[in-house]
Amino acid sequence: MDGTFSVAPRQFTQAYVISVPIGTTAISCVYALLTWKQQSIYEELLQAVVDKCQEYDLYHDTTVVTDFEKATLQAITSILGEHVSTQVCFYHLTQSTGAGSK
Protein backbone atom coordinates (compact mmCIF):
# COMPACT_ATOMS: atom_id res chain seq x y z
CA MET A 1 0.00 0.00 0.00
CA ASP A 2 1.39 3.37 -0.94
CA GLY A 3 0.20 6.92 -1.44
CA THR A 4 1.74 9.21 -4.03
CA PHE A 5 1.20 12.94 -3.84
CA SER A 6 2.87 14.34 -6.96
CA VAL A 7 0.52 12.62 -9.44
CA ALA A 8 -2.78 13.34 -7.66
CA PRO A 9 -5.12 15.79 -9.40
CA ARG A 10 -5.45 19.12 -7.59
CA GLN A 11 -8.73 18.31 -5.84
CA PHE A 12 -7.20 15.20 -4.22
CA THR A 13 -4.44 14.83 -1.65
CA GLN A 14 -3.00 11.58 -2.98
CA ALA A 15 -3.25 8.76 -5.45
CA TYR A 16 -3.25 5.52 -3.46
CA VAL A 17 -2.22 2.14 -4.85
CA ILE A 18 -2.68 -1.33 -3.37
CA SER A 19 -0.60 -4.11 -4.89
CA VAL A 20 -0.81 -7.84 -4.26
CA PRO A 21 1.92 -10.46 -4.56
CA ILE A 22 1.49 -12.93 -7.41
CA GLY A 23 4.32 -15.40 -7.82
CA THR A 24 7.62 -13.53 -7.78
CA THR A 25 6.11 -10.13 -8.60
CA ALA A 26 3.40 -7.76 -7.40
CA ILE A 27 0.41 -6.50 -9.35
CA SER A 28 -1.19 -3.12 -8.69
CA CYS A 29 -4.88 -3.92 -8.42
CA VAL A 30 -6.50 -1.02 -6.54
CA TYR A 31 -6.14 2.63 -7.47
CA ALA A 32 -7.89 5.31 -5.41
CA LEU A 33 -7.86 9.09 -5.34
CA LEU A 34 -8.08 10.18 -1.71
CA THR A 35 -9.07 13.59 -0.41
CA TRP A 36 -7.31 13.45 2.96
CA LYS A 37 -4.65 11.55 4.88
CA GLN A 38 -6.92 10.43 7.74
CA GLN A 39 -7.59 7.08 9.34
CA SER A 40 -11.30 7.30 8.46
CA ILE A 41 -10.47 7.75 4.74
CA TYR A 42 -8.10 4.77 4.78
CA GLU A 43 -10.74 2.72 6.64
CA GLU A 44 -13.34 3.56 4.01
CA LEU A 45 -10.95 2.49 1.24
CA LEU A 46 -9.99 -0.75 2.98
CA GLN A 47 -13.62 -1.59 3.80
CA ALA A 48 -14.55 -1.16 0.12
CA VAL A 49 -11.71 -3.52 -0.85
CA VAL A 50 -12.73 -6.09 1.79
CA ASP A 51 -16.38 -5.91 0.66
CA LYS A 52 -15.41 -6.49 -2.97
CA CYS A 53 -13.10 -9.37 -2.02
CA GLN A 54 -15.93 -11.01 -0.08
CA GLU A 55 -18.26 -10.55 -3.06
CA TYR A 56 -15.81 -12.47 -5.27
CA ASP A 57 -14.87 -14.99 -2.57
CA LEU A 58 -11.29 -13.71 -2.36
CA TYR A 59 -9.25 -13.44 0.81
CA HIS A 60 -6.71 -10.92 2.04
CA ASP A 61 -3.21 -11.74 3.10
CA THR A 62 -2.13 -11.77 6.73
CA THR A 63 0.73 -9.34 6.14
CA VAL A 64 0.48 -5.81 4.79
CA VAL A 65 3.51 -3.74 3.77
CA THR A 66 3.01 0.01 3.91
CA ASP A 67 4.69 3.28 4.81
CA PHE A 68 5.14 4.71 8.31
CA GLU A 69 1.92 6.73 8.38
CA LYS A 70 0.17 6.10 11.70
CA ALA A 71 -3.33 6.61 10.23
CA THR A 72 -2.70 3.88 7.64
CA LEU A 73 -1.36 1.44 10.22
CA GLN A 74 -4.35 2.03 12.51
CA ALA A 75 -6.82 1.65 9.63
CA ILE A 76 -5.28 -1.69 8.68
CA THR A 77 -5.74 -3.00 12.22
CA SER A 78 -9.25 -1.53 12.48
CA ILE A 79 -10.58 -2.99 9.21
CA LEU A 80 -8.47 -6.08 8.56
CA GLY A 81 -8.13 -7.12 12.20
CA GLU A 82 -5.53 -7.67 14.88
CA HIS A 83 -4.36 -10.93 13.25
CA VAL A 84 -3.00 -9.03 10.22
CA SER A 85 0.61 -8.03 10.75
CA THR A 86 1.99 -4.84 9.29
CA GLN A 87 5.48 -4.34 7.98
CA VAL A 88 6.90 -0.97 7.15
CA CYS A 89 8.81 -0.54 3.94
CA PHE A 90 12.58 0.06 4.07
CA TYR A 91 12.31 2.35 1.03
CA HIS A 92 9.91 4.63 2.91
CA LEU A 93 12.25 4.66 5.90
CA THR A 94 15.12 5.91 3.72
CA GLN A 95 12.84 8.56 2.20
CA SER A 96 11.64 9.79 5.58
CA THR A 97 15.18 10.05 6.99
CA GLY A 98 16.71 11.68 3.93
CA ALA A 99 19.01 8.74 3.27
CA GLY A 100 17.22 7.95 0.01
CA SER A 101 17.71 11.42 -1.48
CA LYS A 102 21.41 10.94 -2.26
PDB file of N, CA and C in Angstrom:
ATOM      1  N   MET A   1       0.855  -1.160   0.000  1.00  0.00           N
ATOM      2  CA  MET A   1       0.000   0.000   0.000  1.00  0.00           C
ATOM      3  C   MET A   1       0.900   1.220   0.000  1.00  0.00           C
ATOM      4  N   ASP A   2       0.550   2.187  -0.859  1.00  0.00           N
ATOM      5  CA  ASP A   2       1.393   3.370  -0.941  1.00  0.00           C
ATOM      6  C   ASP A   2       0.616   4.541  -1.525  1.00  0.00           C
ATOM      7  N   GLY A   3       0.789   5.694  -0.930  1.00  0.00           N
ATOM      8  CA  GLY A   3       0.200   6.922  -1.443  1.00  0.00           C
ATOM      9  C   GLY A   3       1.251   7.747  -2.165  1.00  0.00           C
ATOM     10  N   THR A   4       0.845   8.345  -3.267  1.00  0.00           N
ATOM     11  CA  THR A   4       1.737   9.208  -4.034  1.00  0.00           C
ATOM     12  C   THR A   4       1.062  10.567  -4.170  1.00  0.00           C
ATOM     13  N   PHE A   5       1.799  11.609  -3.876  1.00  0.00           N
ATOM     14  CA  PHE A   5       1.199  12.938  -3.841  1.00  0.00           C
ATOM     15  C   PHE A   5       1.408  13.711  -5.134  1.00  0.00           C
ATOM     16  N   SER A   6       2.520  13.514  -5.792  1.00  0.00           N
ATOM     17  CA  SER A   6       2.868  14.336  -6.957  1.00  0.00           C
ATOM     18  C   SER A   6       1.986  14.078  -8.170  1.00  0.00           C
ATOM     19  N   VAL A   7       1.343  12.926  -8.266  1.00  0.00           N
ATOM     20  CA  VAL A   7       0.518  12.618  -9.441  1.00  0.00           C
ATOM     21  C   VAL A   7      -0.973  12.806  -9.188  1.00  0.00           C
ATOM     22  N   ALA A   8      -1.358  13.166  -7.979  1.00  0.00           N
ATOM     23  CA  ALA A   8      -2.779  13.343  -7.661  1.00  0.00           C
ATOM     24  C   ALA A   8      -3.313  14.627  -8.284  1.00  0.00           C
ATOM     25  N   PRO A   9      -4.489  14.563  -8.894  1.00  0.00           N
ATOM     26  CA  PRO A   9      -5.118  15.787  -9.401  1.00  0.00           C
ATOM     27  C   PRO A   9      -5.320  16.786  -8.267  1.00  0.00           C
ATOM     28  N   ARG A  10      -5.404  18.049  -8.588  1.00  0.00           N
ATOM     29  CA  ARG A  10      -5.449  19.124  -7.594  1.00  0.00           C
ATOM     30  C   ARG A  10      -6.498  18.941  -6.500  1.00  0.00           C
ATOM     31  N   GLN A  11      -7.662  18.416  -6.841  1.00  0.00           N
ATOM     32  CA  GLN A  11      -8.726  18.306  -5.844  1.00  0.00           C
ATOM     33  C   GLN A  11      -8.534  17.133  -4.875  1.00  0.00           C
ATOM     34  N   PHE A  12      -7.483  16.336  -5.087  1.00  0.00           N
ATOM     35  CA  PHE A  12      -7.196  15.197  -4.221  1.00  0.00           C
ATOM     36  C   PHE A  12      -5.848  15.391  -3.546  1.00  0.00           C
ATOM     37  N   THR A  13      -5.698  14.759  -2.380  1.00  0.00           N
ATOM     38  CA  THR A  13      -4.438  14.827  -1.649  1.00  0.00           C
ATOM     39  C   THR A  13      -3.435  13.822  -2.184  1.00  0.00           C
ATOM     40  N   GLN A  14      -3.922  12.614  -2.539  1.00  0.00           N
ATOM     41  CA  GLN A  14      -2.998  11.582  -2.980  1.00  0.00           C
ATOM     42  C   GLN A  14      -3.671  10.555  -3.878  1.00  0.00           C
ATOM     43  N   ALA A  15      -2.841   9.945  -4.698  1.00  0.00           N
ATOM     44  CA  ALA A  15      -3.250   8.760  -5.451  1.00  0.00           C
ATOM     45  C   ALA A  15      -2.725   7.577  -4.656  1.00  0.00           C
ATOM     46  N   TYR A  16      -3.611   6.643  -4.316  1.00  0.00           N
ATOM     47  CA  TYR A  16      -3.249   5.525  -3.461  1.00  0.00           C
ATOM     48  C   TYR A  16      -3.310   4.232  -4.264  1.00  0.00           C
ATOM     49  N   VAL A  17      -2.312   3.382  -4.096  1.00  0.00           N
ATOM     50  CA  VAL A  17      -2.221   2.135  -4.852  1.00  0.00           C
ATOM     51  C   VAL A  17      -2.056   0.969  -3.885  1.00  0.00           C
ATOM     52  N   ILE A  18      -2.827  -0.086  -4.124  1.00  0.00           N
ATOM     53  CA  ILE A  18      -2.675  -1.327  -3.371  1.00  0.00           C
ATOM     54  C   ILE A  18      -2.250  -2.404  -4.356  1.00  0.00           C
ATOM     55  N   SER A  19      -1.131  -3.034  -4.050  1.00  0.00           N
ATOM     56  CA  SER A  19      -0.596  -4.109  -4.894  1.00  0.00           C
ATOM     57  C   SER A  19      -0.674  -5.423  -4.133  1.00  0.00           C
ATOM     58  N   VAL A  20      -0.781  -6.514  -4.879  1.00  0.00           N
ATOM     59  CA  VAL A  20      -0.806  -7.840  -4.256  1.00  0.00           C
ATOM     60  C   VAL A  20       0.288  -8.704  -4.862  1.00  0.00           C
ATOM     61  N   PRO A  21       0.892  -9.567  -4.032  1.00  0.00           N
ATOM     62  CA  PRO A  21       1.922 -10.465  -4.562  1.00  0.00           C
ATOM     63  C   PRO A  21       1.295 -11.577  -5.391  1.00  0.00           C
ATOM     64  N   ILE A  22       1.885 -11.811  -6.552  1.00  0.00           N
ATOM     65  CA  ILE A  22       1.489 -12.930  -7.407  1.00  0.00           C
ATOM     66  C   ILE A  22       2.780 -13.556  -7.915  1.00  0.00           C
ATOM     67  N   GLY A  23       3.066 -14.743  -7.451  1.00  0.00           N
ATOM     68  CA  GLY A  23       4.316 -15.395  -7.817  1.00  0.00           C
ATOM     69  C   GLY A  23       5.491 -14.599  -7.287  1.00  0.00           C
ATOM     70  N   THR A  24       6.412 -14.263  -8.181  1.00  0.00           N
ATOM     71  CA  THR A  24       7.618 -13.527  -7.778  1.00  0.00           C
ATOM     72  C   THR A  24       7.500 -12.028  -8.018  1.00  0.00           C
ATOM     73  N   THR A  25       6.302 -11.550  -8.320  1.00  0.00           N
ATOM     74  CA  THR A  25       6.110 -10.130  -8.600  1.00  0.00           C
ATOM     75  C   THR A  25       4.915  -9.608  -7.806  1.00  0.00           C
ATOM     76  N   ALA A  26       4.580  -8.365  -8.013  1.00  0.00           N
ATOM     77  CA  ALA A  26       3.398  -7.763  -7.397  1.00  0.00           C
ATOM     78  C   ALA A  26       2.605  -7.043  -8.480  1.00  0.00           C
ATOM     79  N   ILE A  27       1.301  -7.121  -8.381  1.00  0.00           N
ATOM     80  CA  ILE A  27       0.412  -6.502  -9.352  1.00  0.00           C
ATOM     81  C   ILE A  27      -0.385  -5.399  -8.660  1.00  0.00           C
ATOM     82  N   SER A  28      -0.357  -4.208  -9.212  1.00  0.00           N
ATOM     83  CA  SER A  28      -1.188  -3.121  -8.686  1.00  0.00           C
ATOM     84  C   SER A  28      -2.629  -3.405  -9.092  1.00  0.00           C
ATOM     85  N   CYS A  29      -3.508  -3.530  -8.100  1.00  0.00           N
ATOM     86  CA  CYS A  29      -4.881  -3.921  -8.416  1.00  0.00           C
ATOM     87  C   CYS A  29      -5.928  -2.943  -7.904  1.00  0.00           C
ATOM     88  N   VAL A  30      -5.561  -2.024  -7.027  1.00  0.00           N
ATOM     89  CA  VAL A  30      -6.501  -1.018  -6.536  1.00  0.00           C
ATOM     90  C   VAL A  30      -5.848   0.351  -6.685  1.00  0.00           C
ATOM     91  N   TYR A  31      -6.571   1.244  -7.330  1.00  0.00           N
ATOM     92  CA  TYR A  31      -6.141   2.635  -7.471  1.00  0.00           C
ATOM     93  C   TYR A  31      -7.247   3.504  -6.885  1.00  0.00           C
ATOM     94  N   ALA A  32      -6.884   4.448  -6.030  1.00  0.00           N
ATOM     95  CA  ALA A  32      -7.889   5.311  -5.414  1.00  0.00           C
ATOM     96  C   ALA A  32      -7.345   6.726  -5.301  1.00  0.00           C
ATOM     97  N   LEU A  33      -8.191   7.689  -5.563  1.00  0.00           N
ATOM     98  CA  LEU A  33      -7.855   9.089  -5.338  1.00  0.00           C
ATOM     99  C   LEU A  33      -8.468   9.492  -4.009  1.00  0.00           C
ATOM    100  N   LEU A  34      -7.623   9.880  -3.062  1.00  0.00           N
ATOM    101  CA  LEU A  34      -8.085  10.178  -1.708  1.00  0.00           C
ATOM    102  C   LEU A  34      -8.008  11.665  -1.425  1.00  0.00           C
ATOM    103  N   THR A  35      -8.993  12.158  -0.687  1.00  0.00           N
ATOM    104  CA  THR A  35      -9.071  13.590  -0.406  1.00  0.00           C
ATOM    105  C   THR A  35      -8.278  14.021   0.819  1.00  0.00           C
ATOM    106  N   TRP A  36      -8.024  13.111   1.741  1.00  0.00           N
ATOM    107  CA  TRP A  36      -7.305  13.454   2.960  1.00  0.00           C
ATOM    108  C   TRP A  36      -6.414  12.296   3.378  1.00  0.00           C
ATOM    109  N   LYS A  37      -5.502  12.583   4.284  1.00  0.00           N
ATOM    110  CA  LYS A  37      -4.651  11.550   4.884  1.00  0.00           C
ATOM    111  C   LYS A  37      -5.141  11.324   6.314  1.00  0.00           C
ATOM    112  N   GLN A  38      -6.319  10.680   6.432  1.00  0.00           N
ATOM    113  CA  GLN A  38      -6.916  10.431   7.738  1.00  0.00           C
ATOM    114  C   GLN A  38      -7.264   8.962   7.865  1.00  0.00           C
ATOM    115  N   GLN A  39      -7.259   8.476   9.095  1.00  0.00           N
ATOM    116  CA  GLN A  39      -7.594   7.077   9.345  1.00  0.00           C
ATOM    117  C   GLN A  39      -8.963   6.726   8.781  1.00  0.00           C
ATOM    118  N   SER A  40      -9.941   7.604   8.936  1.00  0.00           N
ATOM    119  CA  SER A  40     -11.300   7.303   8.457  1.00  0.00           C
ATOM    120  C   SER A  40     -11.340   7.134   6.936  1.00  0.00           C
ATOM    121  N   ILE A  41     -10.536   7.885   6.209  1.00  0.00           N
ATOM    122  CA  ILE A  41     -10.469   7.753   4.744  1.00  0.00           C
ATOM    123  C   ILE A  41      -9.841   6.414   4.371  1.00  0.00           C
ATOM    124  N   TYR A  42      -8.751   6.050   5.047  1.00  0.00           N
ATOM    125  CA  TYR A  42      -8.103   4.766   4.782  1.00  0.00           C
ATOM    126  C   TYR A  42      -9.032   3.609   5.155  1.00  0.00           C
ATOM    127  N   GLU A  43      -9.788   3.765   6.247  1.00  0.00           N
ATOM    128  CA  GLU A  43     -10.737   2.723   6.641  1.00  0.00           C
ATOM    129  C   GLU A  43     -11.825   2.545   5.580  1.00  0.00           C
ATOM    130  N   GLU A  44     -12.313   3.640   5.051  1.00  0.00           N
ATOM    131  CA  GLU A  44     -13.338   3.562   4.008  1.00  0.00           C
ATOM    132  C   GLU A  44     -12.806   2.842   2.767  1.00  0.00           C
ATOM    133  N   LEU A  45     -11.585   3.157   2.377  1.00  0.00           N
ATOM    134  CA  LEU A  45     -10.951   2.492   1.239  1.00  0.00           C
ATOM    135  C   LEU A  45     -10.787   0.994   1.509  1.00  0.00           C
ATOM    136  N   LEU A  46     -10.223   0.652   2.658  1.00  0.00           N
ATOM    137  CA  LEU A  46      -9.991  -0.753   2.978  1.00  0.00           C
ATOM    138  C   LEU A  46     -11.300  -1.534   3.098  1.00  0.00           C
ATOM    139  N   GLN A  47     -12.324  -0.901   3.669  1.00  0.00           N
ATOM    140  CA  GLN A  47     -13.616  -1.590   3.796  1.00  0.00           C
ATOM    141  C   GLN A  47     -14.205  -1.873   2.417  1.00  0.00           C
ATOM    142  N   ALA A  48     -14.068  -0.943   1.487  1.00  0.00           N
ATOM    143  CA  ALA A  48     -14.552  -1.162   0.115  1.00  0.00           C
ATOM    144  C   ALA A  48     -13.803  -2.329  -0.535  1.00  0.00           C
ATOM    145  N   VAL A  49     -12.507  -2.415  -0.300  1.00  0.00           N
ATOM    146  CA  VAL A  49     -11.710  -3.523  -0.852  1.00  0.00           C
ATOM    147  C   VAL A  49     -12.142  -4.843  -0.222  1.00  0.00           C
ATOM    148  N   VAL A  50     -12.307  -4.876   1.093  1.00  0.00           N
ATOM    149  CA  VAL A  50     -12.734  -6.092   1.787  1.00  0.00           C
ATOM    150  C   VAL A  50     -14.109  -6.533   1.282  1.00  0.00           C
ATOM    151  N   ASP A  51     -15.033  -5.588   1.150  1.00  0.00           N
ATOM    152  CA  ASP A  51     -16.377  -5.913   0.664  1.00  0.00           C
ATOM    153  C   ASP A  51     -16.326  -6.533  -0.724  1.00  0.00           C
ATOM    154  N   LYS A  52     -15.521  -5.969  -1.605  1.00  0.00           N
ATOM    155  CA  LYS A  52     -15.410  -6.489  -2.973  1.00  0.00           C
ATOM    156  C   LYS A  52     -14.745  -7.865  -2.965  1.00  0.00           C
ATOM    157  N   CYS A  53     -13.747  -8.059  -2.120  1.00  0.00           N
ATOM    158  CA  CYS A  53     -13.104  -9.374  -2.016  1.00  0.00           C
ATOM    159  C   CYS A  53     -14.100 -10.424  -1.540  1.00  0.00           C
ATOM    160  N   GLN A  54     -14.926 -10.072  -0.572  1.00  0.00           N
ATOM    161  CA  GLN A  54     -15.931 -11.011  -0.079  1.00  0.00           C
ATOM    162  C   GLN A  54     -16.948 -11.337  -1.175  1.00  0.00           C
ATOM    163  N   GLU A  55     -17.312 -10.347  -1.959  1.00  0.00           N
ATOM    164  CA  GLU A  55     -18.259 -10.550  -3.059  1.00  0.00           C
ATOM    165  C   GLU A  55     -17.733 -11.573  -4.060  1.00  0.00           C
ATOM    166  N   TYR A  56     -16.432 -11.552  -4.305  1.00  0.00           N
ATOM    167  CA  TYR A  56     -15.811 -12.468  -5.268  1.00  0.00           C
ATOM    168  C   TYR A  56     -15.156 -13.683  -4.606  1.00  0.00           C
ATOM    169  N   ASP A  57     -15.411 -13.864  -3.322  1.00  0.00           N
ATOM    170  CA  ASP A  57     -14.867 -14.987  -2.565  1.00  0.00           C
ATOM    171  C   ASP A  57     -13.335 -15.015  -2.599  1.00  0.00           C
ATOM    172  N   LEU A  58     -12.744 -13.850  -2.450  1.00  0.00           N
ATOM    173  CA  LEU A  58     -11.289 -13.713  -2.360  1.00  0.00           C
ATOM    174  C   LEU A  58     -10.929 -13.479  -0.898  1.00  0.00           C
ATOM    175  N   TYR A  59      -9.691 -13.681  -0.555  1.00  0.00           N
ATOM    176  CA  TYR A  59      -9.255 -13.440   0.806  1.00  0.00           C
ATOM    177  C   TYR A  59      -8.089 -12.459   0.800  1.00  0.00           C
ATOM    178  N   HIS A  60      -7.854 -11.826   1.929  1.00  0.00           N
ATOM    179  CA  HIS A  60      -6.713 -10.921   2.036  1.00  0.00           C
ATOM    180  C   HIS A  60      -5.588 -11.621   2.781  1.00  0.00           C
ATOM    181  N   ASP A  61      -4.404 -11.161   2.494  1.00  0.00           N
ATOM    182  CA  ASP A  61      -3.209 -11.738   3.102  1.00  0.00           C
ATOM    183  C   ASP A  61      -3.156 -11.401   4.590  1.00  0.00           C
ATOM    184  N   THR A  62      -2.272 -12.039   5.303  1.00  0.00           N
ATOM    185  CA  THR A  62      -2.130 -11.774   6.731  1.00  0.00           C
ATOM    186  C   THR A  62      -0.983 -10.818   7.030  1.00  0.00           C
ATOM    187  N   THR A  63      -0.333 -10.324   5.979  1.00  0.00           N
ATOM    188  CA  THR A  63       0.730  -9.339   6.140  1.00  0.00           C
ATOM    189  C   THR A  63       0.512  -8.211   5.147  1.00  0.00           C
ATOM    190  N   VAL A  64       0.623  -6.984   5.636  1.00  0.00           N
ATOM    191  CA  VAL A  64       0.478  -5.810   4.786  1.00  0.00           C
ATOM    192  C   VAL A  64       1.751  -4.981   4.910  1.00  0.00           C
ATOM    193  N   VAL A  65       2.320  -4.604   3.786  1.00  0.00           N
ATOM    194  CA  VAL A  65       3.509  -3.744   3.766  1.00  0.00           C
ATOM    195  C   VAL A  65       3.053  -2.344   3.371  1.00  0.00           C
ATOM    196  N   THR A  66       3.450  -1.366   4.157  1.00  0.00           N
ATOM    197  CA  THR A  66       3.011   0.007   3.913  1.00  0.00           C
ATOM    198  C   THR A  66       4.086   0.985   4.384  1.00  0.00           C
ATOM    199  N   ASP A  67       3.752   2.260   4.335  1.00  0.00           N
ATOM    200  CA  ASP A  67       4.691   3.277   4.806  1.00  0.00           C
ATOM    201  C   ASP A  67       4.540   3.451   6.320  1.00  0.00           C
ATOM    202  N   PHE A  68       5.116   4.508   6.862  1.00  0.00           N
ATOM    203  CA  PHE A  68       5.141   4.715   8.308  1.00  0.00           C
ATOM    204  C   PHE A  68       3.989   5.561   8.815  1.00  0.00           C
ATOM    205  N   GLU A  69       3.007   5.835   7.983  1.00  0.00           N
ATOM    206  CA  GLU A  69       1.920   6.725   8.383  1.00  0.00           C
ATOM    207  C   GLU A  69       1.024   6.044   9.432  1.00  0.00           C
ATOM    208  N   LYS A  70       0.917   6.676  10.581  1.00  0.00           N
ATOM    209  CA  LYS A  70       0.170   6.104  11.700  1.00  0.00           C
ATOM    210  C   LYS A  70      -1.294   5.854  11.339  1.00  0.00           C
ATOM    211  N   ALA A  71      -1.916   6.766  10.614  1.00  0.00           N
ATOM    212  CA  ALA A  71      -3.327   6.611  10.233  1.00  0.00           C
ATOM    213  C   ALA A  71      -3.538   5.369   9.374  1.00  0.00           C
ATOM    214  N   THR A  72      -2.602   5.075   8.485  1.00  0.00           N
ATOM    215  CA  THR A  72      -2.700   3.880   7.643  1.00  0.00           C
ATOM    216  C   THR A  72      -2.566   2.621   8.491  1.00  0.00           C
ATOM    217  N   LEU A  73      -1.580   2.603   9.357  1.00  0.00           N
ATOM    218  CA  LEU A  73      -1.362   1.442  10.219  1.00  0.00           C
ATOM    219  C   LEU A  73      -2.570   1.165  11.107  1.00  0.00           C
ATOM    220  N   GLN A  74      -3.178   2.211  11.660  1.00  0.00           N
ATOM    221  CA  GLN A  74      -4.347   2.034  12.510  1.00  0.00           C
ATOM    222  C   GLN A  74      -5.553   1.569  11.701  1.00  0.00           C
ATOM    223  N   ALA A  75      -5.702   2.064  10.482  1.00  0.00           N
ATOM    224  CA  ALA A  75      -6.818   1.652   9.627  1.00  0.00           C
ATOM    225  C   ALA A  75      -6.704   0.171   9.260  1.00  0.00           C
ATOM    226  N   ILE A  76      -5.495  -0.276   9.007  1.00  0.00           N
ATOM    227  CA  ILE A  76      -5.279  -1.690   8.680  1.00  0.00           C
ATOM    228  C   ILE A  76      -5.746  -2.567   9.832  1.00  0.00           C
ATOM    229  N   THR A  77      -5.337  -2.228  11.043  1.00  0.00           N
ATOM    230  CA  THR A  77      -5.744  -3.002  12.216  1.00  0.00           C
ATOM    231  C   THR A  77      -7.254  -2.916  12.424  1.00  0.00           C
ATOM    232  N   SER A  78      -7.824  -1.741  12.260  1.00  0.00           N
ATOM    233  CA  SER A  78      -9.250  -1.531  12.481  1.00  0.00           C
ATOM    234  C   SER A  78     -10.111  -2.335  11.503  1.00  0.00           C
ATOM    235  N   ILE A  79      -9.751  -2.354  10.234  1.00  0.00           N
ATOM    236  CA  ILE A  79     -10.578  -2.991   9.210  1.00  0.00           C
ATOM    237  C   ILE A  79     -10.184  -4.444   8.968  1.00  0.00           C
ATOM    238  N   LEU A  80      -8.902  -4.725   8.887  1.00  0.00           N
ATOM    239  CA  LEU A  80      -8.465  -6.083   8.561  1.00  0.00           C
ATOM    240  C   LEU A  80      -8.324  -6.967   9.795  1.00  0.00           C
ATOM    241  N   GLY A  81      -8.164  -6.360  10.962  1.00  0.00           N
ATOM    242  CA  GLY A  81      -8.130  -7.123  12.199  1.00  0.00           C
ATOM    243  C   GLY A  81      -6.751  -7.193  12.827  1.00  0.00           C
ATOM    244  N   GLU A  82      -6.759  -7.568  14.089  1.00  0.00           N
ATOM    245  CA  GLU A  82      -5.528  -7.670  14.879  1.00  0.00           C
ATOM    246  C   GLU A  82      -4.604  -8.778  14.371  1.00  0.00           C
ATOM    247  N   HIS A  83      -5.162  -9.796  13.716  1.00  0.00           N
ATOM    248  CA  HIS A  83      -4.357 -10.930  13.247  1.00  0.00           C
ATOM    249  C   HIS A  83      -3.490 -10.575  12.037  1.00  0.00           C
ATOM    250  N   VAL A  84      -3.784  -9.453  11.381  1.00  0.00           N
ATOM    251  CA  VAL A  84      -2.997  -9.031  10.222  1.00  0.00           C
ATOM    252  C   VAL A  84      -1.776  -8.265  10.719  1.00  0.00           C
ATOM    253  N   SER A  85      -0.604  -8.725  10.332  1.00  0.00           N
ATOM    254  CA  SER A  85       0.613  -8.026  10.746  1.00  0.00           C
ATOM    255  C   SER A  85       0.963  -6.962   9.710  1.00  0.00           C
ATOM    256  N   THR A  86       1.550  -5.901  10.187  1.00  0.00           N
ATOM    257  CA  THR A  86       1.986  -4.836   9.294  1.00  0.00           C
ATOM    258  C   THR A  86       3.503  -4.786   9.299  1.00  0.00           C
ATOM    259  N   GLN A  87       4.051  -4.548   8.126  1.00  0.00           N
ATOM    260  CA  GLN A  87       5.481  -4.345   7.976  1.00  0.00           C
ATOM    261  C   GLN A  87       5.660  -2.997   7.299  1.00  0.00           C
ATOM    262  N   VAL A  88       6.625  -2.251   7.782  1.00  0.00           N
ATOM    263  CA  VAL A  88       6.898  -0.967   7.153  1.00  0.00           C
ATOM    264  C   VAL A  88       8.024  -1.144   6.141  1.00  0.00           C
ATOM    265  N   CYS A  89       7.924  -0.399   5.093  1.00  0.00           N
ATOM    266  CA  CYS A  89       8.812  -0.541   3.944  1.00  0.00           C
ATOM    267  C   CYS A  89      10.143   0.179   4.171  1.00  0.00           C
ATOM    268  N   PHE A  90      11.247  -0.527   3.909  1.00  0.00           N
ATOM    269  CA  PHE A  90      12.581   0.055   4.071  1.00  0.00           C
ATOM    270  C   PHE A  90      12.760   1.272   3.158  1.00  0.00           C
ATOM    271  N   TYR A  91      12.222   1.221   1.951  1.00  0.00           N
ATOM    272  CA  TYR A  91      12.309   2.355   1.027  1.00  0.00           C
ATOM    273  C   TYR A  91      11.713   3.608   1.664  1.00  0.00           C
ATOM    274  N   HIS A  92      10.544   3.466   2.289  1.00  0.00           N
ATOM    275  CA  HIS A  92       9.906   4.627   2.910  1.00  0.00           C
ATOM    276  C   HIS A  92      10.710   5.137   4.108  1.00  0.00           C
ATOM    277  N   LEU A  93      11.383   4.234   4.808  1.00  0.00           N
ATOM    278  CA  LEU A  93      12.254   4.658   5.901  1.00  0.00           C
ATOM    279  C   LEU A  93      13.373   5.536   5.366  1.00  0.00           C
ATOM    280  N   THR A  94      14.009   5.116   4.269  1.00  0.00           N
ATOM    281  CA  THR A  94      15.115   5.913   3.722  1.00  0.00           C
ATOM    282  C   THR A  94      14.619   7.257   3.208  1.00  0.00           C
ATOM    283  N   GLN A  95      13.390   7.283   2.676  1.00  0.00           N
ATOM    284  CA  GLN A  95      12.838   8.555   2.199  1.00  0.00           C
ATOM    285  C   GLN A  95      12.530   9.494   3.361  1.00  0.00           C
ATOM    286  N   SER A  96      12.021   8.938   4.451  1.00  0.00           N
ATOM    287  CA  SER A  96      11.638   9.793   5.585  1.00  0.00           C
ATOM    288  C   SER A  96      12.847  10.306   6.361  1.00  0.00           C
ATOM    289  N   THR A  97      13.994   9.618   6.260  1.00  0.00           N
ATOM    290  CA  THR A  97      15.184  10.047   6.986  1.00  0.00           C
ATOM    291  C   THR A  97      16.140  10.853   6.124  1.00  0.00           C
ATOM    292  N   GLY A  98      15.844  10.943   4.839  1.00  0.00           N
ATOM    293  CA  GLY A  98      16.713  11.685   3.931  1.00  0.00           C
ATOM    294  C   GLY A  98      17.818  10.843   3.327  1.00  0.00           C
ATOM    295  N   ALA A  99      17.962   9.597   3.779  1.00  0.00           N
ATOM    296  CA  ALA A  99      19.014   8.737   3.274  1.00  0.00           C
ATOM    297  C   ALA A  99      18.779   8.342   1.812  1.00  0.00           C
ATOM    298  N   GLY A 100      17.525   8.353   1.380  1.00  0.00           N
ATOM    299  CA  GLY A 100      17.220   7.947   0.011  1.00  0.00           C
ATOM    300  C   GLY A 100      17.325   9.067  -0.998  1.00  0.00           C
ATOM    301  N   SER A 101      17.655  10.277  -0.563  1.00  0.00           N
ATOM    302  CA  SER A 101      17.705  11.416  -1.481  1.00  0.00           C
ATOM    303  C   SER A 101      19.081  11.631  -2.075  1.00  0.00           C
ATOM    304  N   LYS A 102      20.037  10.779  -1.746  1.00  0.00           N
ATOM    305  CA  LYS A 102      21.406  10.936  -2.256  1.00  0.00           C
ATOM    306  C   LYS A 102      21.619  10.209  -3.529  1.00  0.00           C
TER     307      LYS A 102
END
